[in-house]
Amino acid sequence: FQSIYANQEESSLRNILFNNYNPKVRPVENIGDSLTVQMGLALQNIESFDQMQESITLNAWIRQTWNDYRLSWNSTQSNLTFISVSKSQVWVPDTELLNAAALPQIYTLKGGLSVYSDGTVFYSNPVVLKMPCSLELETFPFDTQTCRMVFGSWVYASDFLNLIPYNNEEQQIDVLDSFSHTEWEIDELTVELNTEERNGHINEDFNELEYNIVLSRFPHYYKLSMGMTIALVL
């Protein structure tokens, strides 16, 4: 057996950063400060669209960026530009799908967090999200459907957690190249920042991001079915 030594520079930096670090504490210098968290959504695929139960299940990536001043360092401490950390090591915003129809499923790949020297934390994790999606079938099978997702913090009002979309529109919501579906295609994607009141919270508003996905149906299968049916009837 041979002895194997870890990277001493990274080990020293981690010891400096995580000495007395508490991942349960919101990363602000003053307790009354609001922490800005930028969020983006990337759609990978439609897992299922249950039109009987009017629910849709999406395979997606959630991306979030914020700054944790406790995790910043300078060149005198280390020449490293970033390190990777696990979710349990650092504070992570409690961003949830508020209109979920089931518990989100997390892949075995739990995503990763990158911490940069200026304290910027980038978190990207893959999830399977299920939510209700009411159908409008007046023009079936030439219909389009709009499915709505609402994300927000369960605990922190906007005075404490300022959840906003990414400033770059291309990062706000996008479709991965791997997206494909035999019956549906995406026509439009939009995101809107809303401020909402919640029952039980007095004089507190919560930032919520509303994502709308407009899907149009491929009618070719139904055209063929109806054509064959009409031909047989005639």
C-alpha atoms as a PDB file:
ATOM      1  CA  PHE A   1       0.000   0.000   0.000  1.00  0.00           C
ATOM      2  CA  GLN A   2       1.100   3.560  -0.707  1.00  0.00           C
ATOM      3  CA  SER A   3       0.091   6.669   1.220  1.00  0.00           C
ATOM      4  CA  ILE A   4      -2.173   9.091  -0.679  1.00  0.00           C
ATOM      5  CA  TYR A   5      -2.295  12.755   0.375  1.00  0.00           C
ATOM      6  CA  ALA A   6      -5.181  15.094  -0.400  1.00  0.00           C
ATOM      7  CA  ASN A   7      -4.635  18.440  -2.076  1.00  0.00           C
ATOM      8  CA  GLN A   8      -3.214  20.448   0.797  1.00  0.00           C
ATOM      9  CA  GLU A   9      -4.300  23.819  -0.602  1.00  0.00           C
ATOM     10  CA  GLU A  10      -7.933  22.757  -0.949  1.00  0.00           C
ATOM     11  CA  SER A  11      -7.896  21.029   2.430  1.00  0.00           C
ATOM     12  CA  SER A  12      -6.559  24.162   4.100  1.00  0.00           C
ATOM     13  CA  LEU A  13      -9.158  26.324   2.351  1.00  0.00           C
ATOM     14  CA  ARG A  14     -12.005  24.065   3.431  1.00  0.00           C
ATOM     15  CA  ASN A  15     -10.763  24.155   7.009  1.00  0.00           C
ATOM     16  CA  ILE A  16     -10.779  27.951   6.896  1.00  0.00           C
ATOM     17  CA  LEU A  17     -14.245  28.252   5.295  1.00  0.00           C
ATOM     18  CA  PHE A  18     -16.084  25.686   7.374  1.00  0.00           C
ATOM     19  CA  ASN A  19     -14.547  26.440  10.736  1.00  0.00           C
ATOM     20  CA  ASN A  20     -17.554  27.508  12.858  1.00  0.00           C
ATOM     21  CA  TYR A  21     -19.776  27.575   9.743  1.00  0.00           C
ATOM     22  CA  ASN A  22     -23.442  26.881  10.518  1.00  0.00           C
ATOM     23  CA  PRO A  23     -25.451  25.699   7.459  1.00  0.00           C
ATOM     24  CA  LYS A  24     -28.732  26.434   9.246  1.00  0.00           C
ATOM     25  CA  VAL A  25     -28.066  30.185   9.431  1.00  0.00           C
ATOM     26  CA  ARG A  26     -29.151  32.437   6.561  1.00  0.00           C
ATOM     27  CA  PRO A  27     -26.013  34.021   5.013  1.00  0.00           C
ATOM     28  CA  VAL A  28     -26.618  37.706   5.796  1.00  0.00           C
ATOM     29  CA  GLU A  29     -24.545  40.018   7.981  1.00  0.00           C
ATOM     30  CA  ASN A  30     -27.630  41.643   9.577  1.00  0.00           C
ATOM     31  CA  ILE A  31     -30.648  39.547  10.497  1.00  0.00           C
ATOM     32  CA  GLY A  32     -32.989  42.092   8.897  1.00  0.00           C
ATOM     33  CA  ASP A  33     -31.271  41.959   5.493  1.00  0.00           C
ATOM     34  CA  SER A  34     -32.935  40.259   2.545  1.00  0.00           C
ATOM     35  CA  LEU A  35     -30.928  37.622   0.680  1.00  0.00           C
ATOM     36  CA  THR A  36     -31.398  37.611  -3.110  1.00  0.00           C
ATOM     37  CA  VAL A  37     -31.705  34.179  -4.719  1.00  0.00           C
ATOM     38  CA  GLN A  38     -31.830  33.943  -8.508  1.00  0.00           C
ATOM     39  CA  MET A  39     -33.606  30.937  -9.992  1.00  0.00           C
ATOM     40  CA  GLY A  40     -33.882  29.304 -13.400  1.00  0.00           C
ATOM     41  CA  LEU A  41     -35.664  26.241 -14.764  1.00  0.00           C
ATOM     42  CA  ALA A  42     -34.552  23.904 -17.557  1.00  0.00           C
ATOM     43  CA  LEU A  43     -37.027  21.364 -18.962  1.00  0.00           C
ATOM     44  CA  GLN A  44     -35.567  18.030 -19.999  1.00  0.00           C
ATOM     45  CA  ASN A  45     -38.649  15.994 -20.857  1.00  0.00           C
ATOM     46  CA  ILE A  46     -42.304  15.252 -20.189  1.00  0.00           C
ATOM     47  CA  GLU A  47     -42.396  12.133 -18.041  1.00  0.00           C
ATOM     48  CA  SER A  48     -46.162  11.782 -18.401  1.00  0.00           C
ATOM     49  CA  PHE A  49     -49.293  13.812 -19.119  1.00  0.00           C
ATOM     50  CA  ASP A  50     -52.271  12.128 -17.444  1.00  0.00           C
ATOM     51  CA  GLN A  51     -55.219  13.709 -19.230  1.00  0.00           C
ATOM     52  CA  MET A  52     -57.770  11.743 -17.187  1.00  0.00           C
ATOM     53  CA  GLN A  53     -56.441  13.093 -13.884  1.00  0.00           C
ATOM     54  CA  GLU A  54     -55.378  16.407 -15.477  1.00  0.00           C
ATOM     55  CA  SER A  55     -51.837  16.287 -14.155  1.00  0.00           C
ATOM     56  CA  ILE A  56     -48.435  16.534 -15.782  1.00  0.00           C
ATOM     57  CA  THR A  57     -45.063  15.208 -14.647  1.00  0.00           C
ATOM     58  CA  LEU A  58     -41.933  16.987 -15.854  1.00  0.00           C
ATOM     59  CA  ASN A  59     -38.284  16.051 -15.795  1.00  0.00           C
ATOM     60  CA  ALA A  60     -36.430  19.289 -15.060  1.00  0.00           C
ATOM     61  CA  TRP A  61     -33.316  20.952 -13.701  1.00  0.00           C
ATOM     62  CA  ILE A  62     -33.653  23.667 -11.057  1.00  0.00           C
ATOM     63  CA  ARG A  63     -30.788  26.159 -10.922  1.00  0.00           C
ATOM     64  CA  GLN A  64     -30.255  28.694  -8.149  1.00  0.00           C
ATOM     65  CA  THR A  65     -27.564  31.260  -7.396  1.00  0.00           C
ATOM     66  CA  TRP A  66     -26.965  33.339  -4.273  1.00  0.00           C
ATOM     67  CA  ASN A  67     -24.072  34.823  -2.324  1.00  0.00           C
ATOM     68  CA  ASP A  68     -22.783  33.514   0.983  1.00  0.00           C
ATOM     69  CA  TYR A  69     -20.273  36.049   2.314  1.00  0.00           C
ATOM     70  CA  ARG A  70     -18.976  33.470   4.816  1.00  0.00           C
ATOM     71  CA  LEU A  71     -17.678  31.317   1.949  1.00  0.00           C
ATOM     72  CA  SER A  72     -15.539  33.945   0.213  1.00  0.00           C
ATOM     73  CA  TRP A  73     -11.756  33.967   0.162  1.00  0.00           C
ATOM     74  CA  ASN A  74      -8.884  35.934  -1.370  1.00  0.00           C
ATOM     75  CA  SER A  75      -5.624  35.048  -3.095  1.00  0.00           C
ATOM     76  CA  THR A  76      -3.667  35.249   0.160  1.00  0.00           C
ATOM     77  CA  GLN A  77      -5.745  32.345   1.501  1.00  0.00           C
ATOM     78  CA  SER A  78      -5.879  30.268  -1.699  1.00  0.00           C
ATOM     79  CA  ASN A  79      -5.364  30.546  -5.450  1.00  0.00           C
ATOM     80  CA  LEU A  80      -8.318  28.246  -6.107  1.00  0.00           C
ATOM     81  CA  THR A  81     -11.216  29.909  -7.970  1.00  0.00           C
ATOM     82  CA  PHE A  82     -13.945  27.493  -6.838  1.00  0.00           C
ATOM     83  CA  ILE A  83     -14.630  24.348  -4.846  1.00  0.00           C
ATOM     84  CA  SER A  84     -17.494  21.854  -4.943  1.00  0.00           C
ATOM     85  CA  VAL A  85     -19.504  21.146  -1.807  1.00  0.00           C
ATOM     86  CA  SER A  86     -22.415  18.939  -0.790  1.00  0.00           C
ATOM     87  CA  LYS A  87     -25.885  20.227   0.024  1.00  0.00           C
ATOM     88  CA  SER A  88     -25.532  19.290   3.699  1.00  0.00           C
ATOM     89  CA  GLN A  89     -22.441  21.473   4.123  1.00  0.00           C
ATOM     90  CA  VAL A  90     -23.898  24.875   3.249  1.00  0.00           C
ATOM     91  CA  TRP A  91     -27.070  26.902   3.652  1.00  0.00           C
ATOM     92  CA  VAL A  92     -29.522  26.214   0.803  1.00  0.00           C
ATOM     93  CA  PRO A  93     -32.796  28.112   0.178  1.00  0.00           C
ATOM     94  CA  ASP A  94     -35.995  26.184   0.879  1.00  0.00           C
ATOM     95  CA  THR A  95     -37.412  26.751  -2.610  1.00  0.00           C
ATOM     96  CA  GLU A  96     -40.369  24.438  -3.264  1.00  0.00           C
ATOM     97  CA  LEU A  97     -42.984  23.775  -5.945  1.00  0.00           C
ATOM     98  CA  LEU A  98     -45.983  25.292  -4.177  1.00  0.00           C
ATOM     99  CA  ASN A  99     -48.667  23.768  -6.429  1.00  0.00           C
ATOM    100  CA  ALA A 100     -47.190  20.271  -6.459  1.00  0.00           C
ATOM    101  CA  ALA A 101     -49.526  17.304  -6.941  1.00  0.00           C
ATOM    102  CA  ALA A 102     -46.996  14.902  -5.419  1.00  0.00           C
ATOM    103  CA  LEU A 103     -43.707  14.951  -3.570  1.00  0.00           C
ATOM    104  CA  PRO A 104     -40.821  15.912  -5.886  1.00  0.00           C
ATOM    105  CA  GLN A 105     -38.592  12.992  -6.804  1.00  0.00           C
ATOM    106  CA  ILE A 106     -34.852  13.506  -6.546  1.00  0.00           C
ATOM    107  CA  TYR A 107     -32.579  11.447  -8.759  1.00  0.00           C
ATOM    108  CA  THR A 108     -29.703   9.422  -7.362  1.00  0.00           C
ATOM    109  CA  LEU A 109     -27.668  12.233  -8.875  1.00  0.00           C
ATOM    110  CA  LYS A 110     -28.446  14.846  -6.231  1.00  0.00           C
ATOM    111  CA  GLY A 111     -27.028  17.755  -8.132  1.00  0.00           C
ATOM    112  CA  GLY A 112     -24.011  19.766  -7.154  1.00  0.00           C
ATOM    113  CA  LEU A 113     -23.046  23.043  -5.543  1.00  0.00           C
ATOM    114  CA  SER A 114     -20.117  25.142  -6.676  1.00  0.00           C
ATOM    115  CA  VAL A 115     -18.713  27.846  -4.406  1.00  0.00           C
ATOM    116  CA  TYR A 116     -16.632  30.614  -5.996  1.00  0.00           C
ATOM    117  CA  SER A 117     -14.025  32.818  -4.363  1.00  0.00           C
ATOM    118  CA  ASP A 118     -16.348  35.843  -4.170  1.00  0.00           C
ATOM    119  CA  GLY A 119     -18.882  33.803  -2.156  1.00  0.00           C
ATOM    120  CA  THR A 120     -21.204  33.044  -5.078  1.00  0.00           C
ATOM    121  CA  VAL A 121     -22.958  29.694  -4.665  1.00  0.00           C
ATOM    122  CA  PHE A 122     -24.432  27.918  -7.702  1.00  0.00           C
ATOM    123  CA  TYR A 123     -26.793  24.986  -7.095  1.00  0.00           C
ATOM    124  CA  SER A 124     -28.162  22.793  -9.870  1.00  0.00           C
ATOM    125  CA  ASN A 125     -30.235  19.692  -9.179  1.00  0.00           C
ATOM    126  CA  PRO A 126     -32.384  17.379 -11.335  1.00  0.00           C
ATOM    127  CA  VAL A 127     -35.953  16.703 -10.167  1.00  0.00           C
ATOM    128  CA  VAL A 128     -39.194  15.112 -11.332  1.00  0.00           C
ATOM    129  CA  LEU A 129     -42.094  17.476 -10.661  1.00  0.00           C
ATOM    130  CA  LYS A 130     -45.795  16.610 -10.774  1.00  0.00           C
ATOM    131  CA  MET A 131     -48.453  19.309 -10.793  1.00  0.00           C
ATOM    132  CA  PRO A 132     -52.116  19.742 -11.792  1.00  0.00           C
ATOM    133  CA  CYS A 133     -52.801  20.981 -15.325  1.00  0.00           C
ATOM    134  CA  SER A 134     -56.424  21.763 -16.199  1.00  0.00           C
ATOM    135  CA  LEU A 135     -57.318  20.892 -19.788  1.00  0.00           C
ATOM    136  CA  GLU A 136     -59.226  22.945 -22.361  1.00  0.00           C
ATOM    137  CA  LEU A 137     -60.485  20.484 -24.973  1.00  0.00           C
ATOM    138  CA  GLU A 138     -62.863  22.592 -27.061  1.00  0.00           C
ATOM    139  CA  THR A 139     -60.559  22.362 -30.105  1.00  0.00           C
ATOM    140  CA  PHE A 140     -59.303  18.792 -29.541  1.00  0.00           C
ATOM    141  CA  PRO A 141     -57.188  17.365 -31.168  1.00  0.00           C
ATOM    142  CA  PHE A 142     -55.873  20.753 -32.348  1.00  0.00           C
ATOM    143  CA  ASP A 143     -55.689  22.064 -28.786  1.00  0.00           C
ATOM    144  CA  THR A 144     -53.014  23.843 -26.802  1.00  0.00           C
ATOM    145  CA  GLN A 145     -52.684  23.488 -23.045  1.00  0.00           C
ATOM    146  CA  THR A 146     -51.064  25.780 -20.484  1.00  0.00           C
ATOM    147  CA  CYS A 147     -49.489  24.184 -17.427  1.00  0.00           C
ATOM    148  CA  ARG A 148     -48.524  26.327 -14.462  1.00  0.00           C
ATOM    149  CA  MET A 149     -45.769  25.896 -11.881  1.00  0.00           C
ATOM    150  CA  VAL A 150     -45.349  28.142  -8.846  1.00  0.00           C
ATOM    151  CA  PHE A 151     -42.107  28.162  -6.855  1.00  0.00           C
ATOM    152  CA  GLY A 152     -41.437  29.962  -3.607  1.00  0.00           C
ATOM    153  CA  SER A 153     -39.998  29.728  -0.116  1.00  0.00           C
ATOM    154  CA  TRP A 154     -42.075  28.022   2.566  1.00  0.00           C
ATOM    155  CA  VAL A 155     -40.447  29.850   5.462  1.00  0.00           C
ATOM    156  CA  TYR A 156     -38.922  33.138   4.369  1.00  0.00           C
ATOM    157  CA  ALA A 157     -40.977  36.164   3.367  1.00  0.00           C
ATOM    158  CA  SER A 158     -39.580  38.503   0.718  1.00  0.00           C
ATOM    159  CA  ASP A 159     -38.059  40.703   3.452  1.00  0.00           C
ATOM    160  CA  PHE A 160     -35.741  37.794   4.226  1.00  0.00           C
ATOM    161  CA  LEU A 161     -35.471  35.874   0.927  1.00  0.00           C
ATOM    162  CA  ASN A 162     -35.813  37.795  -2.329  1.00  0.00           C
ATOM    163  CA  LEU A 163     -36.509  35.062  -4.895  1.00  0.00           C
ATOM    164  CA  ILE A 164     -36.217  36.410  -8.461  1.00  0.00           C
ATOM    165  CA  PRO A 165     -35.623  35.022 -11.968  1.00  0.00           C
ATOM    166  CA  TYR A 166     -32.127  35.201 -13.431  1.00  0.00           C
ATOM    167  CA  ASN A 167     -31.303  38.569 -14.956  1.00  0.00           C
ATOM    168  CA  ASN A 168     -30.273  36.813 -18.167  1.00  0.00           C
ATOM    169  CA  GLU A 169     -33.483  35.839 -19.997  1.00  0.00           C
ATOM    170  CA  GLU A 170     -31.823  32.767 -21.518  1.00  0.00           C
ATOM    171  CA  GLN A 171     -31.227  31.430 -18.007  1.00  0.00           C
ATOM    172  CA  GLN A 172     -34.732  32.093 -16.697  1.00  0.00           C
ATOM    173  CA  ILE A 173     -36.377  29.116 -18.403  1.00  0.00           C
ATOM    174  CA  ASP A 174     -35.178  26.985 -21.283  1.00  0.00           C
ATOM    175  CA  VAL A 175     -35.561  23.591 -22.913  1.00  0.00           C
ATOM    176  CA  LEU A 176     -32.664  21.160 -23.007  1.00  0.00           C
ATOM    177  CA  ASP A 177     -31.603  19.675 -26.337  1.00  0.00           C
ATOM    178  CA  SER A 178     -32.671  16.246 -25.111  1.00  0.00           C
ATOM    179  CA  PHE A 179     -36.361  17.274 -24.986  1.00  0.00           C
ATOM    180  CA  SER A 180     -38.668  15.196 -27.200  1.00  0.00           C
ATOM    181  CA  HIS A 181     -42.229  13.911 -26.999  1.00  0.00           C
ATOM    182  CA  THR A 182     -44.453  11.973 -29.399  1.00  0.00           C
ATOM    183  CA  GLU A 183     -47.656  13.906 -28.649  1.00  0.00           C
ATOM    184  CA  TRP A 184     -46.701  17.347 -27.326  1.00  0.00           C
ATOM    185  CA  GLU A 185     -44.359  20.153 -28.273  1.00  0.00           C
ATOM    186  CA  ILE A 186     -43.564  23.324 -26.351  1.00  0.00           C
ATOM    187  CA  ASP A 187     -44.888  26.518 -27.960  1.00  0.00           C
ATOM    188  CA  GLU A 188     -44.060  29.082 -25.298  1.00  0.00           C
ATOM    189  CA  LEU A 189     -42.310  29.435 -21.962  1.00  0.00           C
ATOM    190  CA  THR A 190     -42.788  32.391 -19.621  1.00  0.00           C
ATOM    191  CA  VAL A 191     -41.881  33.287 -16.046  1.00  0.00           C
ATOM    192  CA  GLU A 192     -43.467  35.974 -13.902  1.00  0.00           C
ATOM    193  CA  LEU A 193     -42.482  37.294 -10.484  1.00  0.00           C
ATOM    194  CA  ASN A 194     -45.440  37.737  -8.134  1.00  0.00           C
ATOM    195  CA  THR A 195     -45.725  38.918  -4.549  1.00  0.00           C
ATOM    196  CA  GLU A 196     -48.376  37.052  -2.595  1.00  0.00           C
ATOM    197  CA  GLU A 197     -49.860  37.151   0.896  1.00  0.00           C
ATOM    198  CA  ARG A 198     -50.409  33.904   2.801  1.00  0.00           C
ATOM    199  CA  ASN A 199     -52.905  32.951   5.459  1.00  0.00           C
ATOM    200  CA  GLY A 200     -51.486  33.150   8.956  1.00  0.00           C
ATOM    201  CA  HIS A 201     -48.732  35.606   8.023  1.00  0.00           C
ATOM    202  CA  ILE A 202     -49.394  39.164   9.160  1.00  0.00           C
ATOM    203  CA  ASN A 203     -47.870  42.000   7.105  1.00  0.00           C
ATOM    204  CA  GLU A 204     -45.636  39.576   5.214  1.00  0.00           C
ATOM    205  CA  ASP A 205     -45.406  39.088   1.464  1.00  0.00           C
ATOM    206  CA  PHE A 206     -43.746  36.157  -0.286  1.00  0.00           C
ATOM    207  CA  ASN A 207     -41.984  36.244  -3.639  1.00  0.00           C
ATOM    208  CA  GLU A 208     -43.269  33.541  -5.977  1.00  0.00           C
ATOM    209  CA  LEU A 209     -42.099  32.619  -9.467  1.00  0.00           C
ATOM    210  CA  GLU A 210     -44.887  31.490 -11.787  1.00  0.00           C
ATOM    211  CA  TYR A 211     -43.734  29.448 -14.783  1.00  0.00           C
ATOM    212  CA  ASN A 212     -46.204  28.873 -17.622  1.00  0.00           C
ATOM    213  CA  ILE A 213     -45.599  26.184 -20.233  1.00  0.00           C
ATOM    214  CA  VAL A 214     -47.761  26.268 -23.346  1.00  0.00           C
ATOM    215  CA  LEU A 215     -47.996  22.865 -25.044  1.00  0.00           C
ATOM    216  CA  SER A 216     -49.520  22.122 -28.433  1.00  0.00           C
ATOM    217  CA  ARG A 217     -50.686  18.662 -29.396  1.00  0.00           C
ATOM    218  CA  PHE A 218     -49.446  16.776 -32.451  1.00  0.00           C
ATOM    219  CA  PRO A 219     -52.777  15.910 -34.168  1.00  0.00           C
ATOM    220  CA  HIS A 220     -51.408  13.404 -36.719  1.00  0.00           C
ATOM    221  CA  TYR A 221     -52.371  10.309 -34.703  1.00  0.00           C
ATOM    222  CA  TYR A 222     -55.936  11.582 -34.219  1.00  0.00           C
ATOM    223  CA  LYS A 223     -56.231  12.602 -37.865  1.00  0.00           C
ATOM    224  CA  LEU A 224     -55.328   9.068 -38.885  1.00  0.00           C
ATOM    225  CA  SER A 225     -57.705   7.497 -36.364  1.00  0.00           C
ATOM    226  CA  MET A 226     -60.614   9.744 -37.343  1.00  0.00           C
ATOM    227  CA  GLY A 227     -59.894   9.284 -41.045  1.00  0.00           C
ATOM    228  CA  MET A 228     -59.933   5.511 -40.731  1.00  0.00           C
ATOM    229  CA  THR A 229     -63.109   5.618 -38.629  1.00  0.00           C
ATOM    230  CA  ILE A 230     -64.925   7.842 -41.147  1.00  0.00           C
ATOM    231  CA  ALA A 231     -63.761   5.659 -44.030  1.00  0.00           C
ATOM    232  CA  LEU A 232     -65.044   2.519 -42.315  1.00  0.00           C
ATOM    233  CA  VAL A 233     -68.396   4.170 -41.523  1.00  0.00           C
ATOM    234  CA  LEU A 234     -68.806   5.264 -45.158  1.00  0.00           C
END
